[in-house]
Amino acid sequence: MIPVPKGFRFAASKAAFKREGRYDLAVMLSDTPAVAAGVFTTNRFQAAPVLQCIETLASRERVRGVVANSGQANACTGEQGLVNCRVSLEMAAGAVGVDMDELLPASTGVIGQHIKLDRWRAALLELEGSLGKVGPMEFTRAIMTTDKFPKLAWATIRHNGQVARVLGMAKGAGMICPNMATMLGFIACDADVEPGLWRDMLRQAVERSFNRITVDGDTSTNDCVLALANGASGLRIDPTTEPDGRQALQTALSEVCEALAYMIVQDAEGGTKVVRIHIVGA
């Protein structure tokens, strides 16, 4: 049983963006506005969903969720790609009952092709009906492309007699290079944390994990890690009076990101073995 942080629900549908009969469109939704953080690709050709996320996070500290798809990257698609991203975002938001600017988009798949808005529309009824009836496993399967297995990791925080959870989901197997790569990462947390602190913590966790892996030396256009913390557990992280709480959350967040990064290396396209090297006295 995957321990889902309180106040989060999932939805998934089979839109057939690239292949029939598999999940390829999904939403992670917080019941209440959640503090949002994001880290993005350093590629100069950032895809439309990345640009939309950056714009949203520049003006909002809290969102309700993320919408992710595989099979079409909406990258290198120009101004029309940005328009299509917003149209698809509006459709997904309507299906799960939130405003468009309360969702952060993420896409992975074929670069250079415009997204198939007709298939988005056709998938909305299933997406709406599945909300709260599917879980993080279906969400993770919906973002897989060449991945051989779904990638999930979680951790528990215990502080002052209260418990909070961190859940992470990711995809990635090729075009993996330091400073983000062809990967998507999503993190749900039910701790109560300030927006600035949450963003600092995500950057630190990513620096220690996803930014330290490489598969083939290529950095892609769509890579992002998006993290939401909704406070539903009631565990308040106050770094000014309780540094132990901050450290506990930072450790849990970093452990989840590191576990997901290891899975990406384990699933490397063309890779056959994983070797761990321990250096002493360097």
Protein backbone atom coordinates (compact mmCIF):
# COMPACT_ATOMS: atom_id res chain seq x y z
CA MET A 1 0.00 0.00 0.00
CA ILE A 2 1.44 3.35 -1.05
CA PRO A 3 1.09 5.91 1.79
CA VAL A 4 -0.60 8.92 0.20
CA PRO A 5 -0.21 12.27 2.02
CA LYS A 6 -3.48 13.58 3.44
CA GLY A 7 -5.62 15.79 1.26
CA PHE A 8 -4.37 14.55 -2.12
CA ARG A 9 -6.39 12.76 -4.80
CA PHE A 10 -5.49 11.44 -8.23
CA ALA A 11 -7.18 11.10 -11.61
CA ALA A 12 -6.03 9.33 -14.77
CA SER A 13 -7.35 8.60 -18.25
CA LYS A 14 -6.35 6.87 -21.48
CA ALA A 15 -6.23 9.55 -24.15
CA ALA A 16 -4.26 7.51 -26.72
CA PHE A 17 -1.82 10.33 -27.41
CA LYS A 18 0.66 7.77 -28.71
CA ARG A 19 -0.58 4.27 -27.81
CA GLU A 20 -4.02 2.83 -27.18
CA GLY A 21 -5.08 1.26 -23.91
CA ARG A 22 -2.64 2.85 -21.44
CA TYR A 23 -2.85 5.76 -19.04
CA ASP A 24 -1.26 8.88 -20.51
CA LEU A 25 -3.08 11.80 -18.88
CA ALA A 26 -3.24 12.32 -15.12
CA VAL A 27 -3.90 14.85 -12.38
CA MET A 28 -2.61 15.11 -8.81
CA LEU A 29 -5.02 17.34 -6.90
CA SER A 30 -4.86 18.84 -3.42
CA ASP A 31 -8.18 19.35 -1.64
CA THR A 32 -6.94 22.76 -0.46
CA PRO A 33 -4.49 25.28 -1.94
CA ALA A 34 -0.97 23.90 -1.54
CA VAL A 35 2.36 25.70 -1.37
CA ALA A 36 4.06 25.10 -4.72
CA ALA A 37 7.69 24.82 -5.78
CA GLY A 38 9.35 23.91 -9.05
CA VAL A 39 12.79 23.28 -10.53
CA PHE A 40 13.18 23.23 -14.30
CA THR A 41 15.44 22.26 -17.18
CA THR A 42 18.39 24.48 -18.06
CA ASN A 43 17.90 23.75 -21.76
CA ARG A 44 17.60 26.96 -23.81
CA PHE A 45 14.61 25.51 -25.68
CA GLN A 46 12.18 25.15 -22.80
CA ALA A 47 8.90 23.50 -23.72
CA ALA A 48 5.54 25.25 -23.44
CA PRO A 49 4.53 23.48 -20.18
CA VAL A 50 7.80 24.55 -18.54
CA LEU A 51 7.29 28.16 -19.60
CA GLN A 52 3.71 28.04 -18.31
CA CYS A 53 4.81 26.63 -14.95
CA ILE A 54 7.50 29.29 -14.54
CA GLU A 55 4.95 32.01 -15.30
CA THR A 56 2.41 30.60 -12.83
CA LEU A 57 4.92 30.13 -10.01
CA ALA A 58 6.19 33.69 -10.50
CA SER A 59 2.75 35.04 -9.59
CA ARG A 60 1.31 32.38 -7.23
CA GLU A 61 2.61 30.77 -4.07
CA ARG A 62 -0.18 28.19 -3.89
CA VAL A 63 -1.90 25.98 -6.45
CA ARG A 64 -4.32 23.06 -6.34
CA GLY A 65 -2.46 20.49 -8.38
CA VAL A 66 -0.56 19.34 -11.44
CA VAL A 67 -1.68 17.86 -14.74
CA ALA A 68 0.76 15.64 -16.61
CA ASN A 69 0.72 13.72 -19.86
CA SER A 70 2.99 11.43 -21.85
CA GLY A 71 3.14 10.81 -25.59
CA GLN A 72 3.37 14.45 -26.63
CA ALA A 73 5.91 16.92 -25.25
CA ASN A 74 4.58 20.17 -26.74
CA ALA A 75 8.21 21.26 -27.13
CA CYS A 76 9.69 23.38 -29.94
CA THR A 77 6.14 24.28 -30.98
CA GLY A 78 6.41 28.09 -30.81
CA GLU A 79 3.64 30.46 -29.83
CA GLN A 80 0.95 28.00 -30.90
CA GLY A 81 2.40 25.50 -28.43
CA LEU A 82 1.87 27.99 -25.59
CA VAL A 83 -1.70 28.59 -26.73
CA ASN A 84 -2.38 24.85 -26.92
CA CYS A 85 -0.83 24.33 -23.49
CA ARG A 86 -3.23 26.84 -21.96
CA VAL A 87 -6.23 25.36 -23.79
CA SER A 88 -5.40 21.85 -22.59
CA LEU A 89 -4.77 23.18 -19.08
CA GLU A 90 -8.17 24.86 -19.05
CA MET A 91 -9.85 21.64 -20.15
CA ALA A 92 -8.16 19.57 -17.46
CA ALA A 93 -8.94 22.17 -14.79
CA GLY A 94 -12.60 22.11 -15.74
CA ALA A 95 -12.68 18.32 -15.48
CA VAL A 96 -11.40 18.33 -11.87
CA GLY A 97 -13.22 21.47 -10.76
CA VAL A 98 -10.49 24.08 -10.31
CA ASP A 99 -9.37 27.23 -12.12
CA MET A 100 -6.84 26.98 -14.92
CA ASP A 101 -4.21 28.99 -13.04
CA GLU A 102 -4.45 26.57 -10.11
CA LEU A 103 -2.88 23.72 -12.11
CA LEU A 104 0.75 23.30 -13.16
CA PRO A 105 1.27 21.44 -16.47
CA ALA A 106 3.97 18.93 -17.38
CA SER A 107 4.42 16.94 -20.57
CA THR A 108 6.78 14.32 -21.95
CA GLY A 109 6.99 12.55 -25.27
CA VAL A 110 7.63 13.41 -28.89
CA ILE A 111 9.30 16.78 -29.48
CA GLY A 112 8.27 19.12 -32.29
CA GLN A 113 4.66 18.00 -32.68
CA HIS A 114 1.61 20.00 -31.63
CA ILE A 115 -0.52 18.40 -28.96
CA LYS A 116 -3.73 16.64 -29.96
CA LEU A 117 -6.45 18.77 -28.41
CA ASP A 118 -9.21 16.54 -29.76
CA ARG A 119 -7.85 13.62 -27.74
CA TRP A 120 -7.62 15.81 -24.65
CA ARG A 121 -11.33 16.60 -25.01
CA ALA A 122 -12.24 12.96 -25.53
CA ALA A 123 -10.34 11.94 -22.38
CA LEU A 124 -11.95 14.48 -20.04
CA LEU A 125 -14.98 12.41 -19.04
CA GLU A 126 -12.80 9.50 -17.92
CA LEU A 127 -10.43 11.91 -16.18
CA GLU A 128 -13.31 13.51 -14.25
CA GLY A 129 -14.86 10.16 -13.33
CA SER A 130 -11.59 8.72 -12.05
CA LEU A 131 -10.83 11.51 -9.56
CA GLY A 132 -10.29 9.93 -6.17
CA LYS A 133 -10.77 6.42 -7.59
CA VAL A 134 -7.22 5.90 -8.83
CA GLY A 135 -3.96 6.44 -6.98
CA PRO A 136 -0.33 7.41 -7.40
CA MET A 137 0.47 4.21 -9.29
CA GLU A 138 -1.94 5.11 -12.10
CA PHE A 139 -0.58 8.67 -12.09
CA THR A 140 2.97 7.36 -12.41
CA ARG A 141 2.08 4.96 -15.21
CA ALA A 142 0.52 7.87 -17.09
CA ILE A 143 3.86 9.71 -17.30
CA MET A 144 5.94 6.72 -18.44
CA THR A 145 7.45 6.71 -21.93
CA THR A 146 10.43 4.40 -22.43
CA ASP A 147 10.48 3.58 -18.70
CA LYS A 148 10.58 -0.12 -17.90
CA PHE A 149 8.97 0.32 -14.47
CA PRO A 150 7.03 2.99 -12.51
CA LYS A 151 9.10 5.03 -10.08
CA LEU A 152 7.67 5.93 -6.67
CA ALA A 153 9.27 6.65 -3.29
CA TRP A 154 7.99 7.91 0.05
CA ALA A 155 9.08 8.93 3.53
CA THR A 156 7.49 9.74 6.87
CA ILE A 157 8.27 12.69 9.17
CA ARG A 158 7.64 12.49 12.91
CA HIS A 159 7.99 15.68 14.93
CA ASN A 160 6.38 16.92 18.15
CA GLY A 161 4.08 13.92 18.24
CA GLN A 162 2.73 14.56 14.74
CA VAL A 163 3.24 12.71 11.49
CA ALA A 164 3.56 14.00 7.92
CA ARG A 165 4.27 12.21 4.66
CA VAL A 166 6.24 12.88 1.50
CA LEU A 167 5.38 10.97 -1.68
CA GLY A 168 7.38 11.24 -4.90
CA MET A 169 6.72 10.00 -8.44
CA ALA A 170 9.03 10.29 -11.44
CA LYS A 171 9.72 9.15 -14.97
CA GLY A 172 12.99 9.02 -16.84
CA ALA A 173 15.24 6.57 -18.63
CA GLY A 174 17.09 8.39 -21.40
CA MET A 175 18.44 11.87 -22.22
CA ILE A 176 19.48 12.20 -18.58
CA CYS A 177 22.24 14.71 -17.88
CA PRO A 178 23.16 16.81 -14.80
CA ASN A 179 21.05 19.92 -14.16
CA MET A 180 17.80 18.19 -15.05
CA ALA A 181 17.12 15.93 -18.00
CA THR A 182 14.34 14.03 -19.78
CA MET A 183 12.56 13.43 -16.55
CA LEU A 184 9.48 14.56 -14.71
CA GLY A 185 9.20 14.50 -10.95
CA PHE A 186 6.18 15.20 -8.75
CA ILE A 187 6.11 15.42 -4.96
CA ALA A 188 3.14 15.57 -2.62
CA CYS A 189 3.57 16.47 1.04
CA ASP A 190 1.02 17.14 3.79
CA ALA A 191 3.29 19.19 6.08
CA ASP A 192 2.54 22.88 6.68
CA VAL A 193 5.53 24.87 5.41
CA GLU A 194 6.15 28.46 4.28
CA PRO A 195 6.38 29.02 0.48
CA GLY A 196 9.92 30.43 0.48
CA LEU A 197 11.21 27.67 2.69
CA TRP A 198 9.52 24.95 0.62
CA ARG A 199 11.12 26.27 -2.56
CA ASP A 200 14.55 26.40 -0.91
CA MET A 201 14.12 22.85 0.35
CA LEU A 202 13.14 21.52 -3.07
CA ARG A 203 16.15 23.18 -4.70
CA GLN A 204 18.45 21.60 -2.12
CA ALA A 205 16.87 18.18 -2.57
CA VAL A 206 17.10 18.37 -6.38
CA GLU A 207 20.72 19.51 -6.21
CA ARG A 208 21.58 16.42 -4.17
CA SER A 209 19.67 14.01 -6.39
CA PHE A 210 18.39 14.68 -9.91
CA ASN A 211 21.19 17.14 -10.66
CA ARG A 212 23.81 14.48 -9.89
CA ILE A 213 22.80 11.82 -12.38
CA THR A 214 23.58 11.30 -16.07
CA VAL A 215 22.78 8.58 -18.57
CA ASP A 216 23.78 9.82 -21.99
CA GLY A 217 24.85 13.44 -21.67
CA ASP A 218 21.71 15.01 -23.16
CA THR A 219 19.58 17.65 -21.47
CA SER A 220 16.00 17.83 -22.71
CA THR A 221 13.31 20.50 -23.06
CA ASN A 222 10.53 19.47 -20.68
CA ASP A 223 12.25 18.47 -17.46
CA CYS A 224 10.78 19.60 -14.20
CA VAL A 225 10.24 18.66 -10.58
CA LEU A 226 7.04 20.06 -9.08
CA ALA A 227 6.35 19.83 -5.35
CA LEU A 228 3.15 20.63 -3.41
CA ALA A 229 2.73 20.87 0.37
CA ASN A 230 -0.85 21.36 1.60
CA GLY A 231 -0.52 21.25 5.41
CA ALA A 232 -3.31 18.68 5.78
CA SER A 233 -1.39 16.65 8.38
CA GLY A 234 -1.30 19.60 10.79
CA LEU A 235 2.45 19.24 11.27
CA ARG A 236 3.76 22.80 11.16
CA ILE A 237 7.37 23.38 10.09
CA ASP A 238 8.64 26.54 11.82
CA PRO A 239 12.38 26.89 11.15
CA THR A 240 12.77 29.92 13.43
CA THR A 241 11.74 28.10 16.60
CA GLU A 242 12.07 24.43 15.66
CA PRO A 243 15.05 23.77 13.38
CA ASP A 244 14.68 20.04 14.07
CA GLY A 245 11.37 20.07 12.19
CA ARG A 246 12.94 21.70 9.17
CA GLN A 247 15.77 19.21 9.19
CA ALA A 248 13.34 16.30 9.42
CA LEU A 249 11.39 17.54 6.40
CA GLN A 250 14.53 18.33 4.41
CA THR A 251 15.90 14.86 5.10
CA ALA A 252 12.65 13.18 4.04
CA LEU A 253 12.36 15.27 0.88
CA SER A 254 15.98 14.62 -0.07
CA GLU A 255 15.67 10.89 0.59
CA VAL A 256 12.63 10.66 -1.69
CA CYS A 257 14.37 12.60 -4.48
CA GLU A 258 17.54 10.52 -4.12
CA ALA A 259 15.56 7.27 -4.29
CA LEU A 260 13.79 8.42 -7.46
CA ALA A 261 17.07 9.58 -9.02
CA TYR A 262 18.59 6.16 -8.32
CA MET A 263 15.63 4.47 -10.03
CA ILE A 264 16.16 6.63 -13.12
CA VAL A 265 19.78 5.49 -13.31
CA GLN A 266 18.70 1.90 -12.69
CA ASP A 267 16.27 2.21 -15.64
CA ALA A 268 18.83 3.85 -17.95
CA GLU A 269 18.25 3.18 -21.64
CA GLY A 270 20.93 0.73 -22.72
CA GLY A 271 22.10 0.15 -19.16
CA THR A 272 22.51 -3.39 -17.84
CA LYS A 273 24.09 -2.96 -14.42
CA VAL A 274 24.19 -0.59 -11.45
CA VAL A 275 27.49 -0.28 -9.60
CA ARG A 276 27.87 1.49 -6.26
CA ILE A 277 31.30 2.93 -5.50
CA HIS A 278 32.22 3.82 -1.92
CA ILE A 279 35.23 6.10 -1.51
CA VAL A 280 37.01 6.33 1.84
CA GLY A 281 39.70 8.85 2.76
CA ALA A 282 39.59 10.98 -0.40
